[in-house]
Amino acid sequence: MDTGEKLFCIKELRKQVALRGEPVLREKSFDLLLETVKRFNPFRVLEIGVNEGLTSAAILVTVPGARVTGIEISEEKAAAAKKNYAAFGVNDRAKVFIGDAAEVLPMLTGEYDFVFLDGPKGHYAEYLEYIEQVLVKGGVLFCDNVLYRGYLSGEKKVPHKHATIKHSLEKFTARVNDEKIFSTKIYDIEDGVSVSVKLV
């Protein structure tokens, strides 16, 4: 399969995942992610929240020189990701650590040009502390769900059970909007996407 055929197959598989009720990066956000990796052409990619590996497989298909390090808490999903990497011929450029990102991130060594964050939203602020340490100057942080169902934009009142998530996301967005550290654009599409370039 050529690149276009592989990406078409990945998109079809993503639809099946969504139909099963599994979390998956939504279509416009997915397209924006691929546009962003094409523009920045990263070599070392970190993905927090691998799920079944379809997003990172798409990144690897889109950027043939890239390598992905992923973190996934579910052994079952990590196994599915490895099968998907093999199916699309990118398994030699992807590795997945199984575990809680809060525990795995502090153990990572090396630097990354691109970080894709799509894990538990209540931990975004915590993860960002570690991401800043491994993301190179000029590197990109692409984050999904930053507007969280309209709660952060003020469109909806936040239910009490989501207050912790809202607080974490507010802390996260305040940090990525710090112009001394990041140049950030927030896209008001779907659940909100932020694209941040590290300045220091």
N, C-alpha and C. Protein backbone atom coordinates (compact mmCIF):
# COMPACT_ATOMS: atom_id res chain seq x y z
N MET A 1 0.85 -1.21 0.00
CA MET A 1 0.00 0.00 0.00
C MET A 1 0.87 1.25 0.00
N ASP A 2 0.44 2.27 -0.75
CA ASP A 2 1.15 3.54 -0.69
C ASP A 2 0.63 4.36 0.49
N THR A 3 1.20 5.55 0.68
CA THR A 3 0.84 6.38 1.84
C THR A 3 -0.65 6.69 1.88
N GLY A 4 -1.20 7.08 0.73
CA GLY A 4 -2.62 7.44 0.68
C GLY A 4 -3.52 6.27 1.05
N GLU A 5 -3.18 5.09 0.56
CA GLU A 5 -3.99 3.89 0.86
C GLU A 5 -3.90 3.53 2.35
N LYS A 6 -2.70 3.66 2.90
CA LYS A 6 -2.54 3.36 4.33
C LYS A 6 -3.36 4.33 5.18
N LEU A 7 -3.30 5.62 4.84
CA LEU A 7 -4.06 6.60 5.62
C LEU A 7 -5.55 6.38 5.48
N PHE A 8 -6.00 5.97 4.30
CA PHE A 8 -7.43 5.67 4.10
C PHE A 8 -7.83 4.50 5.01
N CYS A 9 -7.01 3.45 5.04
CA CYS A 9 -7.31 2.29 5.89
C CYS A 9 -7.33 2.67 7.37
N ILE A 10 -6.38 3.52 7.76
CA ILE A 10 -6.34 3.97 9.16
C ILE A 10 -7.61 4.73 9.51
N LYS A 11 -8.06 5.59 8.60
CA LYS A 11 -9.28 6.36 8.87
C LYS A 11 -10.50 5.44 8.98
N GLU A 12 -10.54 4.39 8.16
CA GLU A 12 -11.65 3.44 8.25
C GLU A 12 -11.61 2.68 9.59
N LEU A 13 -10.43 2.30 10.01
CA LEU A 13 -10.30 1.61 11.30
C LEU A 13 -10.67 2.54 12.46
N ARG A 14 -10.33 3.81 12.33
CA ARG A 14 -10.69 4.79 13.36
C ARG A 14 -12.21 4.89 13.50
N LYS A 15 -12.91 4.81 12.37
CA LYS A 15 -14.38 4.85 12.41
C LYS A 15 -14.92 3.65 13.18
N GLN A 16 -14.32 2.48 12.97
CA GLN A 16 -14.76 1.28 13.68
C GLN A 16 -14.53 1.41 15.19
N VAL A 17 -13.39 2.00 15.56
CA VAL A 17 -13.10 2.22 16.98
C VAL A 17 -14.15 3.15 17.59
N ALA A 18 -14.48 4.21 16.87
CA ALA A 18 -15.49 5.17 17.35
C ALA A 18 -16.85 4.51 17.49
N LEU A 19 -17.21 3.63 16.54
CA LEU A 19 -18.50 2.94 16.60
C LEU A 19 -18.58 2.00 17.80
N ARG A 20 -17.45 1.51 18.26
CA ARG A 20 -17.43 0.66 19.45
C ARG A 20 -17.53 1.48 20.73
N GLY A 21 -17.56 2.79 20.59
CA GLY A 21 -17.66 3.66 21.76
C GLY A 21 -16.34 3.92 22.44
N GLU A 22 -15.25 3.57 21.75
CA GLU A 22 -13.91 3.81 22.31
C GLU A 22 -13.49 5.25 22.03
N PRO A 23 -12.69 5.84 22.93
CA PRO A 23 -12.22 7.20 22.66
C PRO A 23 -11.27 7.23 21.47
N VAL A 24 -11.46 8.19 20.60
CA VAL A 24 -10.60 8.32 19.43
C VAL A 24 -10.53 9.80 19.06
N LEU A 25 -9.37 10.24 18.61
CA LEU A 25 -9.21 11.62 18.17
C LEU A 25 -10.20 11.90 17.05
N ARG A 26 -11.00 12.96 17.20
CA ARG A 26 -12.06 13.22 16.23
C ARG A 26 -11.49 13.70 14.90
N GLU A 27 -12.35 13.66 13.87
CA GLU A 27 -11.87 13.77 12.48
C GLU A 27 -11.12 15.06 12.18
N LYS A 28 -11.71 16.22 12.54
CA LYS A 28 -11.04 17.49 12.23
C LYS A 28 -9.74 17.63 13.01
N SER A 29 -9.75 17.16 14.24
CA SER A 29 -8.54 17.21 15.07
C SER A 29 -7.46 16.29 14.51
N PHE A 30 -7.88 15.12 14.03
CA PHE A 30 -6.96 14.17 13.41
C PHE A 30 -6.32 14.77 12.16
N ASP A 31 -7.14 15.40 11.33
CA ASP A 31 -6.62 16.04 10.11
C ASP A 31 -5.64 17.16 10.45
N LEU A 32 -5.97 17.94 11.49
CA LEU A 32 -5.07 19.02 11.92
C LEU A 32 -3.76 18.44 12.44
N LEU A 33 -3.82 17.34 13.15
CA LEU A 33 -2.60 16.69 13.64
C LEU A 33 -1.70 16.30 12.48
N LEU A 34 -2.27 15.67 11.45
CA LEU A 34 -1.45 15.24 10.32
C LEU A 34 -0.89 16.44 9.55
N GLU A 35 -1.68 17.50 9.42
CA GLU A 35 -1.17 18.73 8.80
C GLU A 35 0.01 19.28 9.59
N THR A 36 -0.10 19.22 10.92
CA THR A 36 0.94 19.77 11.79
C THR A 36 2.22 18.95 11.70
N VAL A 37 2.11 17.62 11.69
CA VAL A 37 3.34 16.82 11.60
C VAL A 37 3.98 16.96 10.22
N LYS A 38 3.17 17.15 9.19
CA LYS A 38 3.74 17.40 7.85
C LYS A 38 4.54 18.69 7.85
N ARG A 39 4.00 19.71 8.51
CA ARG A 39 4.65 21.03 8.52
C ARG A 39 5.95 21.00 9.31
N PHE A 40 5.95 20.32 10.45
CA PHE A 40 7.14 20.35 11.32
C PHE A 40 8.10 19.18 11.09
N ASN A 41 7.61 18.13 10.44
CA ASN A 41 8.46 16.99 10.05
C ASN A 41 9.34 16.48 11.22
N PRO A 42 8.72 16.08 12.32
CA PRO A 42 9.51 15.68 13.49
C PRO A 42 10.21 14.34 13.29
N PHE A 43 11.28 14.15 14.05
CA PHE A 43 12.00 12.88 14.03
C PHE A 43 11.63 12.04 15.25
N ARG A 44 11.61 12.66 16.43
CA ARG A 44 11.33 11.93 17.67
C ARG A 44 9.99 12.39 18.23
N VAL A 45 9.02 11.49 18.24
CA VAL A 45 7.64 11.81 18.65
C VAL A 45 7.30 11.05 19.93
N LEU A 46 6.68 11.75 20.85
CA LEU A 46 6.17 11.13 22.08
C LEU A 46 4.65 11.21 22.06
N GLU A 47 3.99 10.08 22.25
CA GLU A 47 2.52 10.05 22.31
C GLU A 47 2.08 9.58 23.69
N ILE A 48 1.29 10.40 24.35
CA ILE A 48 0.77 10.06 25.68
C ILE A 48 -0.71 9.71 25.52
N GLY A 49 -1.01 8.42 25.63
CA GLY A 49 -2.36 7.92 25.38
C GLY A 49 -2.42 7.30 24.00
N VAL A 50 -1.79 6.13 23.84
CA VAL A 50 -1.64 5.48 22.53
C VAL A 50 -2.95 4.88 22.04
N ASN A 51 -3.77 4.37 22.97
CA ASN A 51 -4.97 3.64 22.61
C ASN A 51 -4.58 2.47 21.70
N GLU A 52 -5.18 2.34 20.52
CA GLU A 52 -4.87 1.21 19.64
C GLU A 52 -3.80 1.55 18.60
N GLY A 53 -3.15 2.69 18.76
CA GLY A 53 -2.01 3.02 17.92
C GLY A 53 -2.32 3.57 16.55
N LEU A 54 -3.58 3.84 16.27
CA LEU A 54 -3.93 4.30 14.92
C LEU A 54 -3.43 5.71 14.64
N THR A 55 -3.45 6.57 15.66
CA THR A 55 -2.97 7.93 15.45
C THR A 55 -1.47 7.94 15.23
N SER A 56 -0.73 7.23 16.07
CA SER A 56 0.72 7.20 15.89
C SER A 56 1.11 6.47 14.61
N ALA A 57 0.34 5.46 14.21
CA ALA A 57 0.60 4.80 12.93
C ALA A 57 0.45 5.80 11.79
N ALA A 58 -0.58 6.65 11.87
CA ALA A 58 -0.79 7.67 10.85
C ALA A 58 0.36 8.68 10.82
N ILE A 59 0.86 9.04 11.99
CA ILE A 59 2.02 9.95 12.06
C ILE A 59 3.22 9.31 11.37
N LEU A 60 3.47 8.04 11.65
CA LEU A 60 4.62 7.35 11.08
C LEU A 60 4.49 7.15 9.58
N VAL A 61 3.27 6.92 9.11
CA VAL A 61 3.03 6.81 7.67
C VAL A 61 3.24 8.16 7.00
N THR A 62 2.79 9.23 7.65
CA THR A 62 2.88 10.58 7.09
C THR A 62 4.31 11.10 7.08
N VAL A 63 5.08 10.77 8.13
CA VAL A 63 6.47 11.24 8.24
C VAL A 63 7.38 10.01 8.28
N PRO A 64 7.87 9.57 7.12
CA PRO A 64 8.62 8.30 7.06
C PRO A 64 9.89 8.28 7.90
N GLY A 65 10.44 9.44 8.24
CA GLY A 65 11.65 9.46 9.05
C GLY A 65 11.40 9.50 10.54
N ALA A 66 10.14 9.56 10.94
CA ALA A 66 9.82 9.73 12.37
C ALA A 66 9.89 8.42 13.13
N ARG A 67 10.10 8.57 14.44
CA ARG A 67 10.03 7.44 15.37
C ARG A 67 9.12 7.84 16.53
N VAL A 68 8.28 6.92 16.97
CA VAL A 68 7.31 7.22 18.04
C VAL A 68 7.62 6.40 19.29
N THR A 69 7.62 7.09 20.41
CA THR A 69 7.60 6.44 21.72
C THR A 69 6.24 6.72 22.33
N GLY A 70 5.52 5.68 22.68
CA GLY A 70 4.16 5.85 23.20
C GLY A 70 4.03 5.36 24.63
N ILE A 71 3.04 5.91 25.32
CA ILE A 71 2.70 5.47 26.68
C ILE A 71 1.23 5.09 26.69
N GLU A 72 0.93 3.89 27.16
CA GLU A 72 -0.45 3.41 27.21
C GLU A 72 -0.65 2.59 28.49
N ILE A 73 -1.68 2.92 29.24
CA ILE A 73 -1.90 2.26 30.52
C ILE A 73 -2.51 0.86 30.37
N SER A 74 -3.22 0.61 29.26
CA SER A 74 -3.90 -0.66 29.06
C SER A 74 -3.03 -1.64 28.27
N GLU A 75 -2.77 -2.81 28.86
CA GLU A 75 -1.98 -3.82 28.15
C GLU A 75 -2.70 -4.28 26.88
N GLU A 76 -4.02 -4.40 26.98
CA GLU A 76 -4.81 -4.86 25.83
C GLU A 76 -4.69 -3.87 24.66
N LYS A 77 -4.82 -2.58 24.96
CA LYS A 77 -4.72 -1.57 23.89
C LYS A 77 -3.30 -1.49 23.34
N ALA A 78 -2.31 -1.63 24.22
CA ALA A 78 -0.92 -1.61 23.76
C ALA A 78 -0.64 -2.77 22.80
N ALA A 79 -1.22 -3.94 23.10
CA ALA A 79 -1.07 -5.10 22.22
C ALA A 79 -1.73 -4.83 20.87
N ALA A 80 -2.91 -4.21 20.90
CA ALA A 80 -3.61 -3.85 19.66
C ALA A 80 -2.79 -2.85 18.86
N ALA A 81 -2.16 -1.91 19.56
CA ALA A 81 -1.32 -0.91 18.88
C ALA A 81 -0.17 -1.59 18.15
N LYS A 82 0.47 -2.55 18.80
CA LYS A 82 1.60 -3.23 18.18
C LYS A 82 1.16 -3.99 16.92
N LYS A 83 -0.04 -4.57 16.97
CA LYS A 83 -0.57 -5.26 15.78
C LYS A 83 -0.83 -4.26 14.66
N ASN A 84 -1.37 -3.09 15.00
CA ASN A 84 -1.63 -2.08 13.98
C ASN A 84 -0.33 -1.54 13.40
N TYR A 85 0.68 -1.35 14.23
CA TYR A 85 1.98 -0.90 13.71
C TYR A 85 2.52 -1.90 12.70
N ALA A 86 2.41 -3.19 13.03
CA ALA A 86 2.90 -4.23 12.13
C ALA A 86 2.11 -4.23 10.83
N ALA A 87 0.78 -4.07 10.94
CA ALA A 87 -0.08 -4.10 9.75
C ALA A 87 0.26 -2.98 8.77
N PHE A 88 0.70 -1.84 9.30
CA PHE A 88 1.02 -0.71 8.42
C PHE A 88 2.52 -0.54 8.19
N GLY A 89 3.29 -1.55 8.59
CA GLY A 89 4.71 -1.57 8.27
C GLY A 89 5.55 -0.54 9.00
N VAL A 90 5.11 -0.14 10.21
CA VAL A 90 5.86 0.89 10.94
C VAL A 90 6.34 0.39 12.31
N ASN A 91 6.20 -0.92 12.56
CA ASN A 91 6.51 -1.44 13.90
C ASN A 91 7.97 -1.28 14.28
N ASP A 92 8.87 -1.14 13.28
CA ASP A 92 10.28 -0.96 13.60
C ASP A 92 10.60 0.48 14.03
N ARG A 93 9.60 1.36 13.94
CA ARG A 93 9.81 2.77 14.31
C ARG A 93 8.92 3.19 15.49
N ALA A 94 8.31 2.21 16.16
CA ALA A 94 7.40 2.53 17.27
C ALA A 94 7.67 1.62 18.45
N LYS A 95 7.64 2.19 19.63
CA LYS A 95 7.70 1.38 20.85
C LYS A 95 6.71 1.96 21.85
N VAL A 96 6.12 1.06 22.64
CA VAL A 96 5.09 1.47 23.60
C VAL A 96 5.48 1.02 24.99
N PHE A 97 5.48 1.98 25.92
CA PHE A 97 5.65 1.66 27.33
C PHE A 97 4.27 1.47 27.95
N ILE A 98 4.08 0.38 28.65
CA ILE A 98 2.80 0.11 29.30
C ILE A 98 2.87 0.59 30.74
N GLY A 99 1.95 1.49 31.10
CA GLY A 99 1.93 2.00 32.46
C GLY A 99 1.24 3.34 32.53
N ASP A 100 1.12 3.84 33.74
CA ASP A 100 0.53 5.15 33.99
C ASP A 100 1.52 6.22 33.54
N ALA A 101 1.06 7.15 32.72
CA ALA A 101 1.95 8.19 32.20
C ALA A 101 2.64 8.97 33.31
N ALA A 102 1.94 9.17 34.43
CA ALA A 102 2.53 9.91 35.55
C ALA A 102 3.75 9.19 36.12
N GLU A 103 3.79 7.86 35.94
CA GLU A 103 4.93 7.08 36.42
C GLU A 103 5.98 6.88 35.34
N VAL A 104 5.55 6.78 34.08
CA VAL A 104 6.48 6.53 32.98
C VAL A 104 7.23 7.80 32.57
N LEU A 105 6.53 8.92 32.51
CA LEU A 105 7.15 10.17 32.04
C LEU A 105 8.44 10.53 32.79
N PRO A 106 8.47 10.44 34.12
CA PRO A 106 9.71 10.81 34.82
C PRO A 106 10.90 9.91 34.48
N MET A 107 10.62 8.72 33.93
CA MET A 107 11.70 7.78 33.63
C MET A 107 12.22 7.91 32.20
N LEU A 108 11.55 8.72 31.38
CA LEU A 108 11.98 8.86 29.99
C LEU A 108 13.32 9.56 29.90
N THR A 109 14.14 9.09 28.97
CA THR A 109 15.41 9.76 28.70
C THR A 109 15.40 10.24 27.25
N GLY A 110 16.25 11.18 26.94
CA GLY A 110 16.29 11.71 25.59
C GLY A 110 15.35 12.88 25.40
N GLU A 111 15.36 13.40 24.18
CA GLU A 111 14.55 14.58 23.86
C GLU A 111 13.60 14.26 22.72
N TYR A 112 12.54 15.06 22.62
CA TYR A 112 11.52 14.85 21.59
C TYR A 112 11.26 16.15 20.84
N ASP A 113 10.97 16.00 19.54
CA ASP A 113 10.65 17.15 18.69
C ASP A 113 9.15 17.45 18.69
N PHE A 114 8.36 16.43 19.04
CA PHE A 114 6.90 16.55 18.91
C PHE A 114 6.27 15.69 19.99
N VAL A 115 5.31 16.25 20.70
CA VAL A 115 4.56 15.50 21.71
C VAL A 115 3.07 15.60 21.40
N PHE A 116 2.42 14.45 21.33
CA PHE A 116 0.97 14.40 21.16
C PHE A 116 0.36 13.94 22.47
N LEU A 117 -0.42 14.81 23.09
CA LEU A 117 -1.03 14.53 24.40
C LEU A 117 -2.53 14.33 24.24
N ASP A 118 -2.98 13.12 24.56
CA ASP A 118 -4.41 12.81 24.50
C ASP A 118 -4.74 11.77 25.57
N GLY A 119 -4.26 12.06 26.79
CA GLY A 119 -4.48 11.15 27.90
C GLY A 119 -5.55 11.68 28.84
N PRO A 120 -5.53 11.25 30.10
CA PRO A 120 -6.52 11.72 31.07
C PRO A 120 -6.39 13.23 31.32
N LYS A 121 -7.47 13.95 31.07
CA LYS A 121 -7.42 15.42 31.11
C LYS A 121 -7.13 15.98 32.51
N GLY A 122 -7.51 15.22 33.53
CA GLY A 122 -7.25 15.68 34.89
C GLY A 122 -5.78 15.69 35.26
N HIS A 123 -4.93 15.13 34.38
CA HIS A 123 -3.49 15.07 34.65
C HIS A 123 -2.67 15.92 33.68
N TYR A 124 -3.33 16.69 32.81
CA TYR A 124 -2.59 17.45 31.80
C TYR A 124 -1.55 18.37 32.43
N ALA A 125 -1.93 19.09 33.48
CA ALA A 125 -1.00 20.04 34.11
C ALA A 125 0.20 19.29 34.69
N GLU A 126 -0.06 18.14 35.30
CA GLU A 126 1.02 17.33 35.87
C GLU A 126 1.96 16.83 34.77
N TYR A 127 1.38 16.33 33.67
CA TYR A 127 2.19 15.82 32.57
C TYR A 127 3.05 16.92 31.97
N LEU A 128 2.50 18.12 31.90
CA LEU A 128 3.20 19.22 31.24
C LEU A 128 4.55 19.50 31.89
N GLU A 129 4.64 19.33 33.19
CA GLU A 129 5.92 19.55 33.89
C GLU A 129 7.01 18.65 33.31
N TYR A 130 6.67 17.42 33.01
CA TYR A 130 7.64 16.47 32.44
C TYR A 130 7.84 16.71 30.95
N ILE A 131 6.75 17.04 30.26
CA ILE A 131 6.85 17.31 28.82
C ILE A 131 7.83 18.44 28.55
N GLU A 132 7.75 19.49 29.34
CA GLU A 132 8.67 20.63 29.15
C GLU A 132 10.12 20.21 29.26
N GLN A 133 10.40 19.21 30.07
CA GLN A 133 11.79 18.77 30.27
C GLN A 133 12.33 17.99 29.07
N VAL A 134 11.45 17.30 28.34
CA VAL A 134 11.92 16.46 27.22
C VAL A 134 11.66 17.08 25.85
N LEU A 135 10.84 18.13 25.78
CA LEU A 135 10.54 18.77 24.50
C LEU A 135 11.63 19.78 24.17
N VAL A 136 12.22 19.63 22.98
CA VAL A 136 13.32 20.52 22.59
C VAL A 136 12.81 21.92 22.27
N LYS A 137 13.71 22.89 22.31
CA LYS A 137 13.38 24.23 21.85
C LYS A 137 12.97 24.15 20.38
N GLY A 138 11.84 24.75 20.03
CA GLY A 138 11.31 24.65 18.68
C GLY A 138 10.43 23.43 18.48
N GLY A 139 10.36 22.58 19.51
CA GLY A 139 9.50 21.40 19.43
C GLY A 139 8.03 21.76 19.61
N VAL A 140 7.16 20.84 19.23
CA VAL A 140 5.72 21.10 19.20
C VAL A 140 4.98 20.19 20.18
N LEU A 141 4.08 20.79 20.94
CA LEU A 141 3.14 20.05 21.79
C LEU A 141 1.75 20.20 21.18
N PHE A 142 1.18 19.08 20.76
CA PHE A 142 -0.17 19.05 20.17
C PHE A 142 -1.07 18.36 21.18
N CYS A 143 -2.09 19.08 21.64
CA CYS A 143 -2.93 18.56 22.72
C CYS A 143 -4.41 18.60 22.35
N ASP A 144 -5.10 17.49 22.57
CA ASP A 144 -6.53 17.39 22.30
C ASP A 144 -7.34 17.63 23.57
N ASN A 145 -8.60 18.02 23.40
CA ASN A 145 -9.58 18.17 24.50
C ASN A 145 -9.32 19.36 25.41
N VAL A 146 -8.63 20.39 24.93
CA VAL A 146 -8.27 21.49 25.84
C VAL A 146 -9.46 22.39 26.19
N LEU A 147 -10.54 22.34 25.42
CA LEU A 147 -11.73 23.13 25.77
C LEU A 147 -12.76 22.27 26.50
N TYR A 148 -12.56 20.99 26.53
CA TYR A 148 -13.33 20.01 27.31
C TYR A 148 -14.84 20.27 27.31
N ARG A 149 -15.47 19.90 26.19
CA ARG A 149 -16.94 19.94 26.07
C ARG A 149 -17.52 21.33 26.29
N GLY A 150 -16.72 22.36 26.06
CA GLY A 150 -17.22 23.73 26.23
C GLY A 150 -17.14 24.25 27.64
N TYR A 151 -16.66 23.43 28.58
CA TYR A 151 -16.59 23.88 29.98
C TYR A 151 -15.56 24.98 30.17
N LEU A 152 -14.43 24.88 29.46
CA LEU A 152 -13.39 25.89 29.64
C LEU A 152 -13.70 27.19 28.91
N SER A 153 -14.45 27.09 27.83
CA SER A 153 -14.77 28.29 27.07
C SER A 153 -15.90 29.08 27.72
N GLY A 154 -16.52 28.49 28.75
CA GLY A 154 -17.61 29.17 29.44
C GLY A 154 -18.97 28.92 28.84
N GLU A 155 -19.03 28.07 27.80
CA GLU A 155 -20.31 27.78 27.16
C GLU A 155 -21.24 27.01 28.09
N LYS A 156 -20.65 26.20 28.98
CA LYS A 156 -21.46 25.36 29.87
C LYS A 156 -20.97 25.51 31.30
N LYS A 157 -21.91 25.35 32.23
CA LYS A 157 -21.54 25.31 33.64
C LYS A 157 -20.90 23.96 33.95
N VAL A 158 -19.85 23.99 34.74
CA VAL A 158 -19.09 22.77 35.02
C VAL A 158 -19.75 21.98 36.15
N PRO A 159 -20.15 20.71 35.88
CA PRO A 159 -20.66 19.87 36.97
C PRO A 159 -19.57 19.65 38.02
N HIS A 160 -19.98 19.46 39.24
CA HIS A 160 -19.02 19.30 40.34
C HIS A 160 -18.03 18.16 40.07
N LYS A 161 -18.52 17.07 39.48
CA LYS A 161 -17.65 15.91 39.26
C LYS A 161 -16.53 16.20 38.24
N HIS A 162 -16.69 17.28 37.45
CA HIS A 162 -15.66 17.63 36.46
C HIS A 162 -14.78 18.79 36.92
N ALA A 163 -14.96 19.25 38.14
CA ALA A 163 -14.24 20.44 38.62
C ALA A 163 -12.73 20.23 38.64
N THR A 164 -12.29 19.03 39.03
CA THR A 164 -10.85 18.75 39.08
C THR A 164 -10.24 18.78 37.69
N ILE A 165 -10.95 18.20 36.73
CA ILE A 165 -10.47 18.22 35.34
C ILE A 165 -10.39 19.65 34.83
N LYS A 166 -11.42 20.44 35.11
CA LYS A 166 -11.42 21.83 34.67
C LYS A 166 -10.23 22.58 35.26
N HIS A 167 -9.98 22.37 36.54
CA HIS A 167 -8.86 23.06 37.21
C HIS A 167 -7.53 22.68 36.55
N SER A 168 -7.34 21.38 36.27
CA SER A 168 -6.10 20.92 35.65
C SER A 168 -5.93 21.53 34.26
N LEU A 169 -7.02 21.56 33.49
CA LEU A 169 -6.94 22.11 32.15
C LEU A 169 -6.70 23.62 32.17
N GLU A 170 -7.28 24.32 33.13
CA GLU A 170 -7.04 25.76 33.26
C GLU A 170 -5.57 26.02 33.57
N LYS A 171 -5.01 25.21 34.46
CA LYS A 171 -3.59 25.35 34.80
C LYS A 171 -2.71 25.04 33.58
N PHE A 172 -3.09 24.00 32.85
CA PHE A 172 -2.37 23.61 31.64
C PHE A 172 -2.40 24.72 30.59
N THR A 173 -3.61 25.23 30.31
CA THR A 173 -3.73 26.25 29.26
C THR A 173 -3.05 27.55 29.66
N ALA A 174 -3.05 27.88 30.94
CA ALA A 174 -2.34 29.08 31.40
C ALA A 174 -0.84 28.93 31.12
N ARG A 175 -0.33 27.75 31.34
CA ARG A 175 1.10 27.51 31.12
C ARG A 175 1.46 27.56 29.64
N VAL A 176 0.69 26.88 28.79
CA VAL A 176 1.04 26.88 27.36
C VAL A 176 0.78 28.23 26.72
N ASN A 177 -0.01 29.07 27.38
CA ASN A 177 -0.23 30.43 26.88
C ASN A 177 0.77 31.43 27.44
N ASP A 178 1.74 30.96 28.23
CA ASP A 178 2.80 31.82 28.73
C ASP A 178 3.76 32.10 27.57
N GLU A 179 3.74 33.33 27.07
CA GLU A 179 4.48 33.67 25.85
C GLU A 179 5.99 33.67 26.04
N LYS A 180 6.45 33.55 27.27
CA LYS A 180 7.90 33.43 27.49
C LYS A 180 8.36 31.99 27.25
N ILE A 181 7.42 31.06 27.27
CA ILE A 181 7.77 29.64 27.18
C ILE A 181 7.26 29.00 25.89
N PHE A 182 6.04 29.34 25.50
CA PHE A 182 5.41 28.72 24.33
C PHE A 182 4.78 29.78 23.42
N SER A 183 4.72 29.45 22.16
CA SER A 183 3.85 30.17 21.22
C SER A 183 2.70 29.21 20.91
N THR A 184 1.50 29.57 21.36
CA THR A 184 0.38 28.63 21.31
C THR A 184 -0.79 29.17 20.51
N LYS A 185 -1.38 28.29 19.73
CA LYS A 185 -2.65 28.60 19.07
C LYS A 185 -3.66 27.55 19.51
N ILE A 186 -4.84 28.02 19.96
CA ILE A 186 -5.91 27.10 20.35
C ILE A 186 -6.98 27.11 19.27
N TYR A 187 -7.29 25.94 18.76
CA TYR A 187 -8.28 25.78 17.69
C TYR A 187 -9.61 25.38 18.32
N ASP A 188 -10.63 26.16 18.06
CA ASP A 188 -11.96 25.88 18.61
C ASP A 188 -12.69 24.90 17.69
N ILE A 189 -12.14 23.71 17.58
CA ILE A 189 -12.77 22.64 16.79
C ILE A 189 -13.02 21.46 17.72
N GLU A 190 -14.17 20.84 17.54
CA GLU A 190 -14.53 19.66 18.34
C GLU A 190 -14.33 19.96 19.83
N ASP A 191 -13.48 19.20 20.54
CA ASP A 191 -13.29 19.46 21.97
C ASP A 191 -12.13 20.41 22.25
N GLY A 192 -11.62 21.06 21.20
CA GLY A 192 -10.55 22.03 21.36
C GLY A 192 -9.17 21.40 21.24
N VAL A 193 -8.32 22.02 20.43
CA VAL A 193 -6.96 21.54 20.21
C VAL A 193 -6.00 22.70 20.44
N SER A 194 -4.91 22.44 21.14
CA SER A 194 -3.85 23.45 21.25
C SER A 194 -2.60 22.95 20.54
N VAL A 195 -1.95 23.86 19.83
CA VAL A 195 -0.67 23.57 19.18
C VAL A 195 0.33 24.58 19.72
N SER A 196 1.32 24.10 20.44
CA SER A 196 2.27 24.97 21.14
C SER A 196 3.69 24.68 20.67
N VAL A 197 4.40 25.74 20.30
CA VAL A 197 5.81 25.62 19.93
C VAL A 197 6.64 26.11 21.12
N LYS A 198 7.56 25.30 21.58
CA LYS A 198 8.38 25.67 22.74
C LYS A 198 9.44 26.68 22.33
N LEU A 199 9.54 27.76 23.07
CA LEU A 199 10.42 28.87 22.72
C LEU A 199 11.76 28.84 23.45
N VAL A 200 11.86 28.07 24.50
CA VAL A 200 13.10 28.06 25.31
C VAL A 200 13.64 26.64 25.48
